[in-house]
C-alpha atoms as a PDB file:
ATOM      1  CA  MET A   1      95.508  11.428 104.797  1.00  0.00           C
ATOM      2  CA  PRO A   2      98.430   9.577 106.283  1.00  0.00           C
ATOM      3  CA  VAL A   3      98.224   6.305 107.802  1.00  0.00           C
ATOM      4  CA  SER A   4     100.258   4.738 110.331  1.00  0.00           C
ATOM      5  CA  ILE A   5     103.347   2.361 109.335  1.00  0.00           C
ATOM      6  CA  ASP A   6     101.589  -0.522 111.019  1.00  0.00           C
ATOM      7  CA  GLU A   7      98.294   0.017 109.079  1.00  0.00           C
ATOM      8  CA  PHE A   8     100.403   0.411 105.846  1.00  0.00           C
ATOM      9  CA  GLU A   9     102.514  -2.918 106.587  1.00  0.00           C
ATOM     10  CA  SER A  10      99.409  -4.894 107.629  1.00  0.00           C
ATOM     11  CA  GLY A  11      97.334  -3.754 104.508  1.00  0.00           C
ATOM     12  CA  ASN A  12      94.593  -2.774 106.828  1.00  0.00           C
ATOM     13  CA  LEU A  13      94.126   0.481 105.004  1.00  0.00           C
ATOM     14  CA  PRO A  14      91.109   2.834 105.458  1.00  0.00           C
ATOM     15  CA  GLU A  15      88.561   2.518 102.618  1.00  0.00           C
ATOM     16  CA  GLY A  16      86.540   5.291 101.059  1.00  0.00           C
ATOM     17  CA  PRO A  17      85.882   7.009  97.860  1.00  0.00           C
ATOM     18  CA  SER A  18      88.765   7.857  95.630  1.00  0.00           C
ATOM     19  CA  VAL A  19      89.684  11.559  95.216  1.00  0.00           C
ATOM     20  CA  PRO A  20      88.259  11.400  91.656  1.00  0.00           C
ATOM     21  CA  GLU A  21      84.894  10.008  93.223  1.00  0.00           C
ATOM     22  CA  GLN A  22      85.050  12.707  96.005  1.00  0.00           C
ATOM     23  CA  VAL A  23      85.566  15.641  93.468  1.00  0.00           C
ATOM     24  CA  ALA A  24      82.756  14.457  90.970  1.00  0.00           C
ATOM     25  CA  THR A  25      80.349  13.962  93.972  1.00  0.00           C
ATOM     26  CA  TYR A  26      81.058  17.235  95.412  1.00  0.00           C
ATOM     27  CA  LEU A  27      80.697  19.101  91.849  1.00  0.00           C
ATOM     28  CA  TYR A  28      77.645  17.164  91.298  1.00  0.00           C
ATOM     29  CA  THR A  29      76.201  18.182  94.571  1.00  0.00           C
ATOM     30  CA  HIS A  30      76.906  21.765  93.967  1.00  0.00           C
ATOM     31  CA  ARG A  31      76.060  21.624  90.134  1.00  0.00           C
ATOM     32  CA  ASP A  32      74.691  25.025  90.144  1.00  0.00           C
ATOM     33  CA  GLN A  33      78.166  26.514  91.050  1.00  0.00           C
ATOM     34  CA  ALA A  34      81.993  26.569  89.759  1.00  0.00           C
ATOM     35  CA  PHE A  35      84.825  25.952  92.130  1.00  0.00           C
ATOM     36  CA  THR A  36      88.665  26.646  91.993  1.00  0.00           C
ATOM     37  CA  ARG A  37      90.873  23.573  92.556  1.00  0.00           C
ATOM     38  CA  SER A  38      91.967  25.106  96.010  1.00  0.00           C
ATOM     39  CA  GLU A  39      87.970  25.429  96.995  1.00  0.00           C
ATOM     40  CA  ILE A  40      87.427  21.650  95.952  1.00  0.00           C
ATOM     41  CA  ALA A  41      90.336  20.585  97.846  1.00  0.00           C
ATOM     42  CA  THR A  42      89.444  22.206 100.958  1.00  0.00           C
ATOM     43  CA  ALA A  43      85.880  21.097 100.697  1.00  0.00           C
ATOM     44  CA  ILE A  44      86.854  17.431 100.505  1.00  0.00           C
ATOM     45  CA  ASP A  45      89.808  17.793 102.619  1.00  0.00           C
ATOM     46  CA  GLU A  46      92.514  16.585 100.079  1.00  0.00           C
ATOM     47  CA  ASP A  47      95.680  17.852  98.724  1.00  0.00           C
ATOM     48  CA  PRO A  48      95.192  20.415  95.906  1.00  0.00           C
ATOM     49  CA  ASN A  49      97.653  18.696  93.594  1.00  0.00           C
ATOM     50  CA  VAL A  50      96.036  15.440  93.933  1.00  0.00           C
ATOM     51  CA  VAL A  51      92.468  17.141  93.349  1.00  0.00           C
ATOM     52  CA  GLY A  52      94.199  18.944  90.371  1.00  0.00           C
ATOM     53  CA  THR A  53      95.300  15.400  88.894  1.00  0.00           C
ATOM     54  CA  ALA A  54      91.843  14.089  89.488  1.00  0.00           C
ATOM     55  CA  LEU A  55      90.099  17.161  87.763  1.00  0.00           C
ATOM     56  CA  THR A  56      92.317  16.833  84.790  1.00  0.00           C
ATOM     57  CA  ARG A  57      91.289  13.083  84.385  1.00  0.00           C
ATOM     58  CA  LEU A  58      87.801  13.898  84.976  1.00  0.00           C
ATOM     59  CA  LYS A  59      88.085  16.585  82.105  1.00  0.00           C
ATOM     60  CA  GLU A  60      89.546  13.973  79.763  1.00  0.00           C
ATOM     61  CA  ARG A  61      86.463  11.757  80.417  1.00  0.00           C
ATOM     62  CA  GLU A  62      84.364  14.876  79.768  1.00  0.00           C
ATOM     63  CA  LEU A  63      82.733  14.703  83.305  1.00  0.00           C
ATOM     64  CA  VAL A  64      83.779  18.112  84.234  1.00  0.00           C
ATOM     65  CA  ARG A  65      84.080  21.472  82.657  1.00  0.00           C
ATOM     66  CA  HIS A  66      86.891  24.019  83.068  1.00  0.00           C
ATOM     67  CA  ARG A  67      87.119  27.747  82.309  1.00  0.00           C
ATOM     68  CA  GLY A  68      89.847  29.760  83.671  1.00  0.00           C
ATOM     69  CA  GLN A  69      90.643  28.712  87.137  1.00  0.00           C
ATOM     70  CA  TYR A  70      87.141  27.202  87.740  1.00  0.00           C
ATOM     71  CA  TRP A  71      85.792  23.782  87.463  1.00  0.00           C
ATOM     72  CA  ALA A  72      82.197  22.483  87.333  1.00  0.00           C
ATOM     73  CA  ILE A  73      80.383  19.319  86.798  1.00  0.00           C
ATOM     74  CA  THR A  74      79.560  18.515  83.002  1.00  0.00           C
ATOM     75  CA  ASN A  75      75.999  19.597  81.849  1.00  0.00           C
ATOM     76  CA  ASP A  76      75.584  16.268  80.351  1.00  0.00           C
ATOM     77  CA  GLN A  77      73.587  14.408  83.254  1.00  0.00           C
ATOM     78  CA  GLU A  78      73.540  11.118  81.295  1.00  0.00           C
ATOM     79  CA  ARG A  79      77.246  11.025  80.767  1.00  0.00           C
ATOM     80  CA  VAL A  80      77.538  11.293  84.783  1.00  0.00           C
ATOM     81  CA  ALA A  81      74.774   8.818  85.273  1.00  0.00           C
ATOM     82  CA  ALA A  82      76.538   6.416  82.961  1.00  0.00           C
ATOM     83  CA  ALA A  83      80.050   6.933  84.544  1.00  0.00           C
ATOM     84  CA  TYR A  84      78.452   6.399  87.999  1.00  0.00           C
ATOM     85  CA  ASP A  85      76.764   3.204  86.687  1.00  0.00           C
ATOM     86  CA  LEU A  86      79.954   1.938  85.176  1.00  0.00           C
ATOM     87  CA  HIS A  87      81.713   2.470  88.235  1.00  0.00           C
ATOM     88  CA  ARG A  88      79.304   0.908  90.530  1.00  0.00           C
ATOM     89  CA  THR A  89      79.236  -2.329  88.348  1.00  0.00           C
ATOM     90  CA  SER A  90      82.880  -2.378  88.298  1.00  0.00           C
ATOM     91  CA  GLU A  91      82.982  -2.336  92.069  1.00  0.00           C
ATOM     92  CA  ARG A  92      80.390  -5.103  92.113  1.00  0.00           C
ATOM     93  CA  LEU A  93      82.431  -7.390  89.866  1.00  0.00           C
ATOM     94  CA  ASP A  94      85.503  -6.709  91.850  1.00  0.00           C
ATOM     95  CA  GLU A  95      83.679  -7.468  95.139  1.00  0.00           C
ATOM     96  CA  SER A  96      82.093 -10.812  93.806  1.00  0.00           C
ATOM     97  CA  ASP A  97      85.276 -12.351  92.227  1.00  0.00           C
ATOM     98  CA  GLY A  98      88.300 -10.744  93.891  1.00  0.00           C
ATOM     99  CA  GLY A  99      88.967  -8.494  90.783  1.00  0.00           C
ATOM    100  CA  ILE A 100      90.879  -8.795  87.769  1.00  0.00           C
ATOM    101  CA  ASP A 101      94.275 -10.806  88.160  1.00  0.00           C
ATOM    102  CA  THR A 102      96.540  -8.738  85.951  1.00  0.00           C
ATOM    103  CA  GLY A 103      98.713 -11.845  85.012  1.00  0.00           C
ATOM    104  CA  ASP A 104      95.583 -13.623  83.902  1.00  0.00           C
ATOM    105  CA  TRP A 105      94.471 -10.514  81.897  1.00  0.00           C
ATOM    106  CA  ASP A 106      97.856 -10.360  80.270  1.00  0.00           C
ATOM    107  CA  ALA A 107      97.893 -13.943  79.261  1.00  0.00           C
ATOM    108  CA  ALA A 108      94.233 -13.647  77.710  1.00  0.00           C
ATOM    109  CA  ALA A 109      94.576 -10.138  76.170  1.00  0.00           C
ATOM    110  CA  PRO A 110      95.231 -10.037  72.476  1.00  0.00           C
ATOM    111  CA  ASP A 111      98.767  -8.676  71.442  1.00  0.00           C
ATOM    112  CA  SER A 112      97.508  -6.701  68.559  1.00  0.00           C
ATOM    113  CA  PRO A 113      94.963  -3.898  68.828  1.00  0.00           C
ATOM    114  CA  HIS A 114      91.426  -4.510  67.788  1.00  0.00           C
ATOM    115  CA  PRO A 115      90.561  -3.349  64.213  1.00  0.00           C
ATOM    116  CA  SER A 116      88.285  -0.786  65.656  1.00  0.00           C
ATOM    117  CA  GLU A 117      91.341   0.915  67.299  1.00  0.00           C
ATOM    118  CA  ASP A 118      93.473   1.377  64.126  1.00  0.00           C
ATOM    119  CA  GLY A 119      94.140   5.166  63.907  1.00  0.00           C
END
């Protein structure tokens, strides 16, 4: 949804759930059905291309299933609950300390991958 240039310039932007959050919530709420990308986009009033990107990312995280042109929430309810819990915890941490400063992160993050990340 567009915002006025004044809102954009002031940084006073509307807040609300992200498109992936909206998609996951919609599919979870209707977990007994599967929908096309366009149906989901219409239901949450978002651009179909943005919804498509969100669906792809949710699929990579194994939170949604895809068959043909249809999408549905995963059958793994524990995975959905864990993702939600992680998301809420991350939001609370961001709210309590202002979030992660990327400069501080870059300064503290190791330059080489952890041994568990070796391929």
